[in-house]
Amino acid sequence: MGVEIYVGQLSGAVTEDEVRKLFSVAGTVTSVRLVTDPGSGEFRGCGYVIMSTEEEADEAVGLLNGALLGDRRIAVKAVSKKFGGKTGRAGRGA
């Protein structure tokens, strides 16, 4: 299943492969999803990384929050679990 973490402040030029490579220093990256606007397809500067274990997710947050990726310092945060155990996303219902 894995543990989802939020990544913000991403450069518009960053790729999923670059994010995967950076986060792999903390453990096994199960998936990377960069968020795009559904209407325009424009990249929103954030995404989600799923690490294989809680320990790896904690390691990634501690190690990579404020790390330089491309030309920006990224924000890495744990995704809170809300709404009956489902993963909640900031600013959205569920």
N, C-alpha and C. Protein backbone atom coordinates (compact mmCIF):
# COMPACT_ATOMS: atom_id res chain seq x y z
N MET A 1 0.82 -1.19 0.00
CA MET A 1 0.00 0.00 0.00
C MET A 1 0.86 1.25 0.00
N GLY A 2 1.71 1.47 0.97
CA GLY A 2 2.61 2.61 1.00
C GLY A 2 2.06 3.78 1.80
N VAL A 3 2.92 4.78 1.98
CA VAL A 3 2.59 5.97 2.76
C VAL A 3 2.81 7.19 1.87
N GLU A 4 1.77 8.01 1.75
CA GLU A 4 1.79 9.17 0.86
C GLU A 4 2.33 10.39 1.58
N ILE A 5 3.20 11.14 0.88
CA ILE A 5 3.71 12.40 1.39
C ILE A 5 3.54 13.48 0.31
N TYR A 6 3.35 14.71 0.76
CA TYR A 6 3.13 15.85 -0.12
C TYR A 6 4.47 16.53 -0.41
N VAL A 7 4.63 16.97 -1.66
CA VAL A 7 5.82 17.71 -2.05
C VAL A 7 5.36 18.99 -2.73
N GLY A 8 5.77 20.12 -2.19
CA GLY A 8 5.38 21.41 -2.74
C GLY A 8 6.57 22.26 -3.14
N GLN A 9 6.29 23.39 -3.74
CA GLN A 9 7.30 24.36 -4.19
C GLN A 9 8.18 23.79 -5.30
N LEU A 10 7.62 22.89 -6.11
CA LEU A 10 8.39 22.28 -7.20
C LEU A 10 8.49 23.23 -8.39
N SER A 11 9.62 23.21 -9.04
CA SER A 11 9.84 23.98 -10.25
C SER A 11 8.97 23.40 -11.37
N GLY A 12 8.54 24.25 -12.27
CA GLY A 12 7.75 23.80 -13.41
C GLY A 12 8.52 22.89 -14.35
N ALA A 13 9.84 22.88 -14.23
CA ALA A 13 10.67 22.06 -15.11
C ALA A 13 10.96 20.68 -14.54
N VAL A 14 10.56 20.40 -13.30
CA VAL A 14 10.90 19.13 -12.66
C VAL A 14 10.10 17.99 -13.28
N THR A 15 10.70 16.80 -13.31
CA THR A 15 10.03 15.63 -13.85
C THR A 15 9.77 14.61 -12.74
N GLU A 16 8.85 13.68 -13.01
CA GLU A 16 8.59 12.61 -12.04
C GLU A 16 9.85 11.81 -11.77
N ASP A 17 10.66 11.58 -12.78
CA ASP A 17 11.90 10.82 -12.59
C ASP A 17 12.87 11.53 -11.66
N GLU A 18 12.95 12.86 -11.76
CA GLU A 18 13.83 13.62 -10.86
C GLU A 18 13.34 13.54 -9.42
N VAL A 19 12.04 13.63 -9.23
CA VAL A 19 11.46 13.52 -7.89
C VAL A 19 11.72 12.12 -7.34
N ARG A 20 11.48 11.10 -8.14
CA ARG A 20 11.70 9.70 -7.73
C ARG A 20 13.16 9.49 -7.32
N LYS A 21 14.08 10.00 -8.11
CA LYS A 21 15.51 9.83 -7.81
C LYS A 21 15.87 10.50 -6.49
N LEU A 22 15.38 11.71 -6.25
CA LEU A 22 15.67 12.41 -5.00
C LEU A 22 15.11 11.65 -3.81
N PHE A 23 13.87 11.22 -3.88
CA PHE A 23 13.23 10.56 -2.75
C PHE A 23 13.76 9.15 -2.50
N SER A 24 14.39 8.56 -3.49
CA SER A 24 14.94 7.21 -3.31
C SER A 24 16.08 7.18 -2.30
N VAL A 25 16.65 8.33 -1.94
CA VAL A 25 17.68 8.34 -0.90
C VAL A 25 17.10 7.96 0.46
N ALA A 26 15.77 8.08 0.61
CA ALA A 26 15.11 7.76 1.87
C ALA A 26 14.51 6.36 1.87
N GLY A 27 14.51 5.68 0.73
CA GLY A 27 13.94 4.33 0.67
C GLY A 27 13.28 4.06 -0.67
N THR A 28 12.39 3.09 -0.66
CA THR A 28 11.72 2.66 -1.88
C THR A 28 10.55 3.58 -2.22
N VAL A 29 10.60 4.17 -3.40
CA VAL A 29 9.52 5.02 -3.89
C VAL A 29 8.57 4.14 -4.69
N THR A 30 7.33 4.04 -4.22
CA THR A 30 6.33 3.23 -4.89
C THR A 30 5.75 3.95 -6.10
N SER A 31 5.46 5.26 -5.94
CA SER A 31 4.95 6.04 -7.06
C SER A 31 5.16 7.53 -6.82
N VAL A 32 5.11 8.27 -7.93
CA VAL A 32 5.21 9.73 -7.92
C VAL A 32 4.09 10.26 -8.80
N ARG A 33 3.37 11.26 -8.29
CA ARG A 33 2.31 11.88 -9.09
C ARG A 33 2.43 13.38 -8.97
N LEU A 34 2.72 14.05 -10.08
CA LEU A 34 2.77 15.50 -10.11
C LEU A 34 1.37 16.01 -10.45
N VAL A 35 0.91 17.03 -9.74
CA VAL A 35 -0.46 17.53 -9.86
C VAL A 35 -0.56 18.54 -11.00
N THR A 36 -1.55 18.32 -11.87
CA THR A 36 -1.82 19.25 -12.96
C THR A 36 -3.26 19.72 -12.87
N ASP A 37 -3.52 20.90 -13.41
CA ASP A 37 -4.87 21.44 -13.46
C ASP A 37 -5.69 20.60 -14.44
N PRO A 38 -6.86 20.09 -14.02
CA PRO A 38 -7.65 19.24 -14.90
C PRO A 38 -8.15 19.95 -16.16
N GLY A 39 -8.37 21.24 -16.09
CA GLY A 39 -8.86 21.97 -17.25
C GLY A 39 -7.78 22.32 -18.25
N SER A 40 -6.69 22.89 -17.75
CA SER A 40 -5.64 23.37 -18.65
C SER A 40 -4.49 22.39 -18.81
N GLY A 41 -4.35 21.45 -17.88
CA GLY A 41 -3.21 20.53 -17.92
C GLY A 41 -1.93 21.15 -17.40
N GLU A 42 -2.02 22.39 -16.90
CA GLU A 42 -0.83 23.10 -16.40
C GLU A 42 -0.39 22.52 -15.06
N PHE A 43 0.92 22.36 -14.90
CA PHE A 43 1.50 21.84 -13.67
C PHE A 43 1.27 22.82 -12.53
N ARG A 44 0.84 22.32 -11.38
CA ARG A 44 0.52 23.18 -10.23
C ARG A 44 1.67 23.37 -9.25
N GLY A 45 2.84 22.80 -9.50
CA GLY A 45 3.99 23.01 -8.64
C GLY A 45 4.04 22.14 -7.41
N CYS A 46 3.23 21.07 -7.41
CA CYS A 46 3.24 20.18 -6.26
C CYS A 46 2.94 18.75 -6.73
N GLY A 47 3.09 17.83 -5.79
CA GLY A 47 2.81 16.44 -6.14
C GLY A 47 2.79 15.57 -4.89
N TYR A 48 2.68 14.28 -5.13
CA TYR A 48 2.62 13.30 -4.05
C TYR A 48 3.58 12.17 -4.36
N VAL A 49 4.28 11.74 -3.33
CA VAL A 49 5.20 10.61 -3.43
C VAL A 49 4.71 9.54 -2.47
N ILE A 50 4.67 8.31 -2.91
CA ILE A 50 4.32 7.21 -2.02
C ILE A 50 5.58 6.41 -1.74
N MET A 51 5.93 6.35 -0.44
CA MET A 51 7.07 5.55 0.02
C MET A 51 6.52 4.22 0.51
N SER A 52 7.34 3.18 0.48
CA SER A 52 6.83 1.85 0.79
C SER A 52 6.51 1.62 2.26
N THR A 53 7.15 2.37 3.18
CA THR A 53 6.87 2.18 4.61
C THR A 53 6.75 3.52 5.32
N GLU A 54 6.15 3.48 6.49
CA GLU A 54 6.02 4.68 7.34
C GLU A 54 7.40 5.22 7.71
N GLU A 55 8.32 4.33 8.01
CA GLU A 55 9.68 4.74 8.39
C GLU A 55 10.36 5.48 7.25
N GLU A 56 10.20 4.98 6.03
CA GLU A 56 10.81 5.63 4.87
C GLU A 56 10.15 6.99 4.61
N ALA A 57 8.85 7.08 4.80
CA ALA A 57 8.15 8.35 4.63
C ALA A 57 8.65 9.36 5.66
N ASP A 58 8.79 8.94 6.91
CA ASP A 58 9.31 9.83 7.96
C ASP A 58 10.73 10.28 7.63
N GLU A 59 11.54 9.35 7.14
CA GLU A 59 12.91 9.67 6.74
C GLU A 59 12.92 10.71 5.62
N ALA A 60 12.06 10.53 4.64
CA ALA A 60 11.98 11.46 3.50
C ALA A 60 11.59 12.85 3.97
N VAL A 61 10.60 12.95 4.84
CA VAL A 61 10.16 14.25 5.35
C VAL A 61 11.30 14.93 6.10
N GLY A 62 11.94 14.20 6.99
CA GLY A 62 13.03 14.77 7.79
C GLY A 62 14.24 15.15 6.97
N LEU A 63 14.54 14.35 5.98
CA LEU A 63 15.74 14.54 5.18
C LEU A 63 15.56 15.56 4.06
N LEU A 64 14.37 15.58 3.45
CA LEU A 64 14.21 16.33 2.20
C LEU A 64 13.42 17.63 2.31
N ASN A 65 12.76 17.88 3.44
CA ASN A 65 12.06 19.16 3.58
C ASN A 65 13.10 20.28 3.54
N GLY A 66 12.97 21.17 2.58
CA GLY A 66 13.94 22.26 2.41
C GLY A 66 15.09 21.92 1.49
N ALA A 67 15.11 20.71 0.94
CA ALA A 67 16.18 20.30 0.02
C ALA A 67 16.05 21.05 -1.31
N LEU A 68 17.15 21.20 -1.98
CA LEU A 68 17.19 21.86 -3.27
C LEU A 68 16.92 20.82 -4.37
N LEU A 69 15.91 21.09 -5.19
CA LEU A 69 15.62 20.25 -6.35
C LEU A 69 15.50 21.19 -7.53
N GLY A 70 16.43 21.08 -8.46
CA GLY A 70 16.48 22.04 -9.56
C GLY A 70 16.86 23.40 -8.99
N ASP A 71 16.02 24.39 -9.22
CA ASP A 71 16.32 25.74 -8.76
C ASP A 71 15.50 26.18 -7.55
N ARG A 72 14.84 25.23 -6.88
CA ARG A 72 13.98 25.58 -5.74
C ARG A 72 14.19 24.69 -4.53
N ARG A 73 13.90 25.26 -3.37
CA ARG A 73 13.87 24.48 -2.13
C ARG A 73 12.46 23.93 -1.99
N ILE A 74 12.36 22.63 -1.87
CA ILE A 74 11.04 22.00 -1.83
C ILE A 74 10.50 21.88 -0.42
N ALA A 75 9.19 21.79 -0.31
CA ALA A 75 8.51 21.56 0.97
C ALA A 75 8.00 20.12 0.95
N VAL A 76 8.34 19.37 1.98
CA VAL A 76 7.93 17.97 2.08
C VAL A 76 7.20 17.79 3.39
N LYS A 77 5.96 17.29 3.32
CA LYS A 77 5.13 17.15 4.51
C LYS A 77 4.39 15.82 4.51
N ALA A 78 4.17 15.30 5.69
CA ALA A 78 3.36 14.10 5.83
C ALA A 78 1.92 14.45 5.46
N VAL A 79 1.24 13.55 4.80
CA VAL A 79 -0.17 13.73 4.46
C VAL A 79 -0.98 13.18 5.62
N SER A 80 -1.88 14.01 6.15
CA SER A 80 -2.67 13.57 7.29
C SER A 80 -3.73 12.57 6.87
N LYS A 81 -4.01 11.64 7.75
CA LYS A 81 -5.04 10.64 7.49
C LYS A 81 -6.32 11.09 8.18
N LYS A 82 -7.34 11.32 7.40
CA LYS A 82 -8.62 11.80 7.91
C LYS A 82 -9.74 11.05 7.24
N PHE A 83 -10.94 11.38 7.63
CA PHE A 83 -12.12 10.88 6.96
C PHE A 83 -12.18 9.35 6.97
N GLY A 84 -12.17 8.77 8.16
CA GLY A 84 -12.33 7.33 8.29
C GLY A 84 -11.15 6.52 7.82
N GLY A 85 -9.94 7.07 7.94
CA GLY A 85 -8.76 6.33 7.59
C GLY A 85 -8.30 6.55 6.16
N LYS A 86 -9.08 7.27 5.34
CA LYS A 86 -8.66 7.56 3.98
C LYS A 86 -7.67 8.71 4.04
N THR A 87 -6.80 8.77 3.05
CA THR A 87 -5.82 9.83 2.99
C THR A 87 -6.50 11.13 2.60
N GLY A 88 -6.31 12.18 3.41
CA GLY A 88 -6.87 13.48 3.10
C GLY A 88 -5.82 14.35 2.44
N ARG A 89 -6.24 15.28 1.61
CA ARG A 89 -5.32 16.19 0.97
C ARG A 89 -5.67 17.61 1.40
N ALA A 90 -4.64 18.40 1.60
CA ALA A 90 -4.83 19.79 2.04
C ALA A 90 -5.74 20.52 1.06
N GLY A 91 -6.73 21.22 1.57
CA GLY A 91 -7.59 22.03 0.75
C GLY A 91 -8.68 21.26 0.02
N ARG A 92 -8.76 19.95 0.23
CA ARG A 92 -9.78 19.14 -0.44
C ARG A 92 -10.45 18.25 0.57
N GLY A 93 -11.64 17.83 0.26
CA GLY A 93 -12.43 17.03 1.18
C GLY A 93 -11.89 15.66 1.47
N ALA A 94 -11.54 14.88 0.46
CA ALA A 94 -11.03 13.53 0.70
C ALA A 94 -10.25 13.00 -0.44
